[in-house]
Amino acid sequence: MSESQATASAAGSTGAEEIPGGRPPVTVRCADGVATVTIDRPEKRNALSLEVIAGLRRAVAQVKADPQARVMVLRGAGDKAFCAGGDLTEMRATVSAMDAHHGRGELANLFTDLWSLGKPTIARVAGHAVAGGLGLALACDFVLASDTASFRAPEVDVGLWGFMITVPMLRSMPPKLVLDMLLTGRKFTAEEAKQAGFVRSVSPLAELDRDVAALAATLAAKPPETVRLGRDAFYRVLDMSAADAFAALHPLLTVVLGGEEAAEGLAAFAERRPPRWLAQTSTIAPQPTKEE
C-alpha cells in the first residue's frame, strides 16, 4: 500500500474532512512492526470531530488487518495537545442533533475497537489529554507521557458529564479517583497521573519518542499470536466473576501450549538461543515522517 493509499484509507474516501493544505486528519504509517496512528489537527488541538473519530476507527481496522503491525502507537500531532476531546464548536455549528448522538456512540465504538485490536497499544501523550482525549489515551494499554502532559475531565464545568469516558477511566484507575476527576474537573500533571497508576512513565519531552520507541520495540519482539490471545483474554475477563474467568482462561492455556509459538519458544529456551517468530509482510507501506 502506498503512502497516499495509507493516509486516504485512514481519512476515508467519501469526502472526509481534510486539514487546510490537503492533509488528512488521521494518518497511519508502519515501520519495524510498529504502526503509528496520528491525529493531525494541531491547529484544533487534535480535537475529535466526527470525521476524526471515523478516521481513527478506519486506522485501527487497518492496523488490525496488517500482519506486520505488531504494536500500535497513538499520538497527536505536535506537542501542545495529545487530544483536546470532542470538537464541540464544530459539532454545534455543522452537525445535527441526531448525527451528534450517533457520533458519541462512535467514540464508544472506537474504545471497543482499541480493546479488541489484538495488538498492544501505546498512547504517546505530550501536552493536554482532555475529556474524550483522556478517554482515548486510557483506552490504550500503555500511556507514556512527557513531563509537559496533563490529564483532565472538565465536562462538569460546562454543564456536561464524561459519560462515555467513564468506562476507560474505570478500567484504568480506582473508582473513587474516577469520580474525583469527573466531579471536580481538576487537572492531573503527568507525575500525578503516574502516581495514580494510569500513566506508565514520564519522560522529558525531548526523550519521549525514544522511550515510546523502546517500549514499542520490546512489545513488537513478542510472539504475536500469543500476545493476541493473551491480550484478548485479559479484556474479556475484566468484567467476569473469578469462576467465569477461570472457565474462559483454562482452555486458552491448552490452545497456547499446543501452538507453534510455544513450541518455538520452548525449543529456543532449551537451545539457549533467541526465539524466531514467524515473519509477516506488511500491508501498510512505511511512510516518510515529517518534523513532529
Protein backbone atom coordinates (compact mmCIF):
# COMPACT_ATOMS: atom_id res chain seq x y z
CA MET A 1 0.00 0.00 0.00
CA SER A 2 1.40 3.40 -0.99
CA GLU A 3 1.72 6.38 1.35
CA SER A 4 -1.21 8.11 -0.35
CA GLN A 5 -3.34 4.97 -0.03
CA ALA A 6 -2.48 4.61 3.65
CA THR A 7 -3.46 8.17 4.51
CA ALA A 8 -6.52 8.05 2.29
CA SER A 9 -7.65 4.85 3.97
CA ALA A 10 -7.48 6.49 7.38
CA ALA A 11 -9.18 9.64 6.13
CA GLY A 12 -11.87 7.77 4.22
CA SER A 13 -12.86 8.04 0.60
CA THR A 14 -16.24 9.70 0.85
CA GLY A 15 -15.48 13.36 1.31
CA ALA A 16 -13.81 13.04 4.69
CA GLU A 17 -12.52 16.16 6.37
CA GLU A 18 -9.13 17.39 5.26
CA ILE A 19 -6.99 19.97 7.01
CA PRO A 20 -6.19 23.14 5.06
CA GLY A 21 -3.25 22.27 2.85
CA GLY A 22 -4.75 18.93 1.81
CA ARG A 23 -3.51 16.67 4.60
CA PRO A 24 -5.97 14.18 6.12
CA PRO A 25 -6.85 14.47 9.83
CA VAL A 26 -5.69 10.92 10.62
CA THR A 27 -2.61 9.21 9.20
CA VAL A 28 -1.08 5.75 9.56
CA ARG A 29 2.47 4.61 8.95
CA CYS A 30 4.17 1.31 9.72
CA ALA A 31 7.85 0.51 10.17
CA ASP A 32 9.69 -2.23 12.05
CA GLY A 33 6.46 -3.82 13.24
CA VAL A 34 5.11 -0.60 14.77
CA ALA A 35 2.11 1.22 13.30
CA THR A 36 1.87 4.88 14.27
CA VAL A 37 -1.57 6.48 14.09
CA THR A 38 -1.56 10.28 14.28
CA ILE A 39 -4.41 12.73 14.83
CA ASP A 40 -3.13 15.52 12.62
CA ARG A 41 -5.14 18.59 13.67
CA PRO A 42 -2.66 20.57 15.77
CA GLU A 43 -4.41 23.83 14.97
CA LYS A 44 -7.53 22.36 16.66
CA ARG A 45 -5.51 20.76 19.47
CA ASN A 46 -6.23 17.42 17.77
CA ALA A 47 -9.90 17.61 18.75
CA LEU A 48 -12.26 14.75 17.93
CA SER A 49 -14.60 15.76 15.15
CA LEU A 50 -16.93 13.08 13.80
CA GLU A 51 -14.60 12.66 10.82
CA VAL A 52 -11.60 12.22 13.09
CA ILE A 53 -13.39 9.54 15.10
CA ALA A 54 -14.35 7.78 11.86
CA GLY A 55 -10.77 8.11 10.60
CA LEU A 56 -9.41 6.65 13.81
CA ARG A 57 -11.77 3.68 13.56
CA ARG A 58 -10.61 3.05 9.99
CA ALA A 59 -6.99 3.40 11.07
CA VAL A 60 -7.41 0.88 13.89
CA ALA A 61 -9.09 -1.56 11.48
CA GLN A 62 -6.19 -1.08 9.05
CA VAL A 63 -3.65 -1.85 11.76
CA LYS A 64 -5.64 -4.88 12.89
CA ALA A 65 -5.64 -6.29 9.36
CA ASP A 66 -1.90 -5.76 8.82
CA PRO A 67 0.03 -8.90 9.87
CA GLN A 68 3.32 -6.98 10.13
CA ALA A 69 1.94 -4.33 12.50
CA ARG A 70 2.52 -5.86 15.92
CA VAL A 71 2.15 -2.71 18.02
CA MET A 72 0.13 0.48 17.57
CA VAL A 73 1.26 3.89 18.82
CA LEU A 74 -1.43 6.58 19.03
CA ARG A 75 -0.33 10.20 19.11
CA GLY A 76 -1.46 13.72 18.43
CA ALA A 77 0.43 15.97 16.04
CA GLY A 78 2.65 18.50 17.76
CA ASP A 79 3.43 18.62 21.46
CA LYS A 80 0.80 21.01 22.82
CA ALA A 81 -2.08 18.54 22.91
CA PHE A 82 -2.48 14.79 22.57
CA CYS A 83 -6.21 15.37 22.08
CA ALA A 84 -8.49 18.12 23.41
CA GLY A 85 -11.61 15.93 23.38
CA GLY A 86 -14.73 16.46 21.31
CA ASP A 87 -14.84 19.33 18.83
CA LEU A 88 -17.92 20.87 20.44
CA THR A 89 -17.79 24.09 18.43
CA GLU A 90 -17.73 22.21 15.14
CA MET A 91 -20.47 19.81 16.20
CA ARG A 92 -22.74 22.62 17.35
CA ALA A 93 -22.23 24.53 14.12
CA THR A 94 -22.35 21.79 11.50
CA VAL A 95 -23.85 18.59 12.85
CA SER A 96 -27.48 17.71 13.51
CA ALA A 97 -28.52 16.58 16.98
CA MET A 98 -29.10 13.03 15.72
CA ASP A 99 -25.71 12.86 13.99
CA ALA A 100 -24.05 14.16 17.14
CA HIS A 101 -25.84 11.49 19.17
CA HIS A 102 -24.64 8.74 16.84
CA GLY A 103 -21.15 10.28 16.83
CA ARG A 104 -20.91 9.93 20.58
CA GLY A 105 -21.73 6.26 20.12
CA GLU A 106 -18.88 6.05 17.61
CA LEU A 107 -16.48 7.22 20.32
CA ALA A 108 -17.55 4.25 22.43
CA ASN A 109 -17.07 2.02 19.39
CA LEU A 110 -13.56 3.43 18.96
CA PHE A 111 -12.72 2.49 22.55
CA THR A 112 -14.03 -1.01 21.88
CA ASP A 113 -12.01 -1.20 18.65
CA LEU A 114 -8.85 -0.47 20.63
CA TRP A 115 -9.62 -3.11 23.24
CA SER A 116 -10.36 -5.72 20.56
CA LEU A 117 -7.39 -4.83 18.33
CA GLY A 118 -5.41 -7.94 19.34
CA LYS A 119 -2.17 -5.96 19.43
CA PRO A 120 -0.59 -3.83 22.17
CA THR A 121 -1.37 -0.12 22.06
CA ILE A 122 0.63 2.82 23.38
CA ALA A 123 -0.70 6.34 23.84
CA ARG A 124 2.13 8.82 23.33
CA VAL A 125 0.87 11.83 25.30
CA ALA A 126 2.53 15.22 25.04
CA GLY A 127 0.52 18.23 26.15
CA HIS A 128 -3.13 18.04 27.13
CA ALA A 129 -5.30 14.91 27.19
CA VAL A 130 -8.74 16.32 27.92
CA ALA A 131 -12.24 14.78 28.14
CA GLY A 132 -12.60 12.42 25.16
CA GLY A 133 -8.84 12.73 24.65
CA LEU A 134 -8.33 11.43 28.19
CA GLY A 135 -10.64 8.50 27.41
CA LEU A 136 -8.77 7.84 24.17
CA ALA A 137 -5.43 7.67 25.95
CA LEU A 138 -6.82 5.41 28.69
CA ALA A 139 -8.34 3.05 26.10
CA CYS A 140 -4.75 2.20 25.13
CA ASP A 141 -2.79 -0.48 27.01
CA PHE A 142 0.02 1.89 27.97
CA VAL A 143 0.17 5.65 28.47
CA LEU A 144 3.63 7.19 28.13
CA ALA A 145 3.66 10.91 28.88
CA SER A 146 6.00 13.83 28.58
CA ASP A 147 6.67 15.95 31.62
CA THR A 148 4.56 18.64 29.92
CA ALA A 149 1.48 16.39 29.71
CA SER A 150 -1.68 16.90 31.72
CA PHE A 151 -4.90 14.94 32.13
CA ARG A 152 -8.35 16.32 32.85
CA ALA A 153 -12.06 15.51 32.61
CA PRO A 154 -13.57 19.03 32.76
CA GLU A 155 -17.02 18.34 31.29
CA VAL A 156 -18.81 19.15 34.55
CA ASP A 157 -17.55 22.75 34.37
CA VAL A 158 -19.65 23.39 31.26
CA GLY A 159 -22.74 21.52 32.45
CA LEU A 160 -21.80 18.20 30.86
CA TRP A 161 -20.57 14.86 32.15
CA GLY A 162 -17.92 12.45 30.90
CA PHE A 163 -20.36 9.61 30.34
CA MET A 164 -18.53 7.84 27.51
CA ILE A 165 -15.07 8.15 29.05
CA THR A 166 -16.24 6.69 32.37
CA VAL A 167 -15.61 3.15 31.11
CA PRO A 168 -11.95 3.55 30.07
CA MET A 169 -11.38 5.56 33.24
CA LEU A 170 -12.80 2.79 35.42
CA ARG A 171 -10.57 0.29 33.60
CA SER A 172 -7.50 2.41 34.38
CA MET A 173 -7.80 3.70 37.95
CA PRO A 174 -9.69 3.21 41.24
CA PRO A 175 -13.41 4.13 41.10
CA LYS A 176 -13.16 6.91 43.68
CA LEU A 177 -10.39 8.56 41.68
CA VAL A 178 -12.59 8.41 38.58
CA LEU A 179 -15.39 10.10 40.50
CA ASP A 180 -12.95 12.70 41.84
CA MET A 181 -11.81 13.62 38.32
CA LEU A 182 -15.35 13.72 36.95
CA LEU A 183 -16.81 15.74 39.83
CA THR A 184 -14.02 18.27 40.30
CA GLY A 185 -12.64 18.54 36.76
CA ARG A 186 -9.23 19.04 38.30
CA LYS A 187 -6.07 18.70 36.24
CA PHE A 188 -3.55 15.96 36.89
CA THR A 189 0.06 16.59 35.97
CA ALA A 190 1.99 13.77 34.34
CA GLU A 191 3.71 12.94 37.63
CA GLU A 192 0.40 12.90 39.50
CA ALA A 193 -1.04 10.62 36.82
CA LYS A 194 1.93 8.29 37.18
CA GLN A 195 1.49 8.18 40.95
CA ALA A 196 -2.21 7.44 40.44
CA GLY A 197 -1.24 4.49 38.23
CA PHE A 198 -2.78 5.39 34.89
CA VAL A 199 0.45 6.63 33.30
CA ARG A 200 3.28 4.11 32.92
CA SER A 201 6.18 6.53 32.68
CA VAL A 202 7.02 10.22 32.42
CA SER A 203 9.86 11.46 30.25
CA PRO A 204 11.33 14.85 29.35
CA LEU A 205 9.67 15.92 26.13
CA ALA A 206 12.91 15.53 24.19
CA GLU A 207 13.16 11.89 25.29
CA LEU A 208 9.52 10.85 24.92
CA ASP A 209 9.77 9.47 21.38
CA ARG A 210 12.86 7.46 22.34
CA ASP A 211 11.05 5.90 25.31
CA VAL A 212 7.93 5.18 23.25
CA ALA A 213 10.06 3.54 20.55
CA ALA A 214 11.87 1.42 23.14
CA LEU A 215 8.64 0.07 24.62
CA ALA A 216 7.15 -0.47 21.16
CA ALA A 217 10.23 -2.43 20.07
CA THR A 218 10.03 -4.59 23.19
CA LEU A 219 6.37 -5.37 22.53
CA ALA A 220 6.91 -5.95 18.79
CA ALA A 221 9.51 -8.62 19.62
CA LYS A 222 6.96 -10.78 21.47
CA PRO A 223 5.17 -13.73 19.80
CA PRO A 224 2.23 -12.10 18.00
CA GLU A 225 -0.35 -14.89 18.20
CA THR A 226 0.30 -15.48 21.88
CA VAL A 227 0.04 -11.75 22.51
CA ARG A 228 -3.27 -11.61 20.62
CA LEU A 229 -4.80 -14.50 22.55
CA GLY A 230 -3.49 -13.28 25.89
CA ARG A 231 -4.48 -9.66 25.40
CA ASP A 232 -7.95 -10.60 24.15
CA ALA A 233 -8.35 -12.82 27.20
CA PHE A 234 -7.29 -10.01 29.52
CA TYR A 235 -10.01 -7.66 28.26
CA ARG A 236 -12.56 -10.46 28.07
CA VAL A 237 -12.25 -11.41 31.75
CA LEU A 238 -12.07 -7.87 33.17
CA ASP A 239 -15.76 -7.80 33.99
CA MET A 240 -16.20 -11.52 34.76
CA SER A 241 -16.51 -13.26 38.09
CA ALA A 242 -13.47 -15.31 39.10
CA ALA A 243 -15.27 -18.56 38.34
CA ASP A 244 -16.31 -17.44 34.85
CA ALA A 245 -12.84 -16.06 34.17
CA PHE A 246 -11.11 -19.33 35.07
CA ALA A 247 -13.57 -21.22 32.87
CA ALA A 248 -12.73 -18.94 29.94
CA LEU A 249 -8.97 -18.95 30.50
CA HIS A 250 -8.37 -22.65 31.13
CA PRO A 251 -8.90 -23.85 27.53
CA LEU A 252 -6.79 -20.97 26.21
CA LEU A 253 -3.79 -22.28 28.10
CA THR A 254 -4.16 -25.59 26.28
CA VAL A 255 -4.51 -23.78 22.94
CA VAL A 256 -1.34 -21.76 23.52
CA LEU A 257 0.67 -24.77 24.73
CA GLY A 258 -0.25 -26.62 21.54
CA GLY A 259 0.71 -23.73 19.25
CA GLU A 260 3.74 -23.12 17.06
CA GLU A 261 4.94 -20.17 19.12
CA ALA A 262 5.09 -22.17 22.34
CA ALA A 263 6.96 -24.93 20.52
CA GLU A 264 9.46 -22.42 19.15
CA GLY A 265 9.81 -20.62 22.47
CA LEU A 266 10.43 -23.80 24.44
CA ALA A 267 12.90 -25.06 21.82
CA ALA A 268 14.77 -21.75 21.91
CA PHE A 269 14.90 -21.92 25.71
CA ALA A 270 16.31 -25.45 25.60
CA GLU A 271 18.83 -24.50 22.93
CA ARG A 272 19.78 -21.24 24.68
CA ARG A 273 19.04 -19.06 21.66
CA PRO A 274 16.59 -16.23 20.95
CA PRO A 275 13.23 -17.44 19.62
CA ARG A 276 12.43 -16.82 15.96
CA TRP A 277 8.79 -15.84 15.50
CA LEU A 278 7.17 -16.16 12.09
CA ALA A 279 7.82 -13.06 9.96
CA GLN A 280 4.96 -11.40 8.09
CA THR A 281 4.73 -8.90 5.24
CA SER A 282 3.16 -5.54 5.98
CA THR A 283 0.13 -4.24 4.09
CA ILE A 284 0.97 -0.68 5.19
CA ALA A 285 3.89 0.84 3.33
CA PRO A 286 6.42 2.70 5.51
CA GLN A 287 5.78 6.43 5.20
CA PRO A 288 8.30 9.23 5.49
CA THR A 289 7.92 11.14 8.74
CA LYS A 290 7.72 14.88 8.85
CA GLU A 291 9.12 17.05 11.58
CA GLU A 292 6.83 16.32 14.56
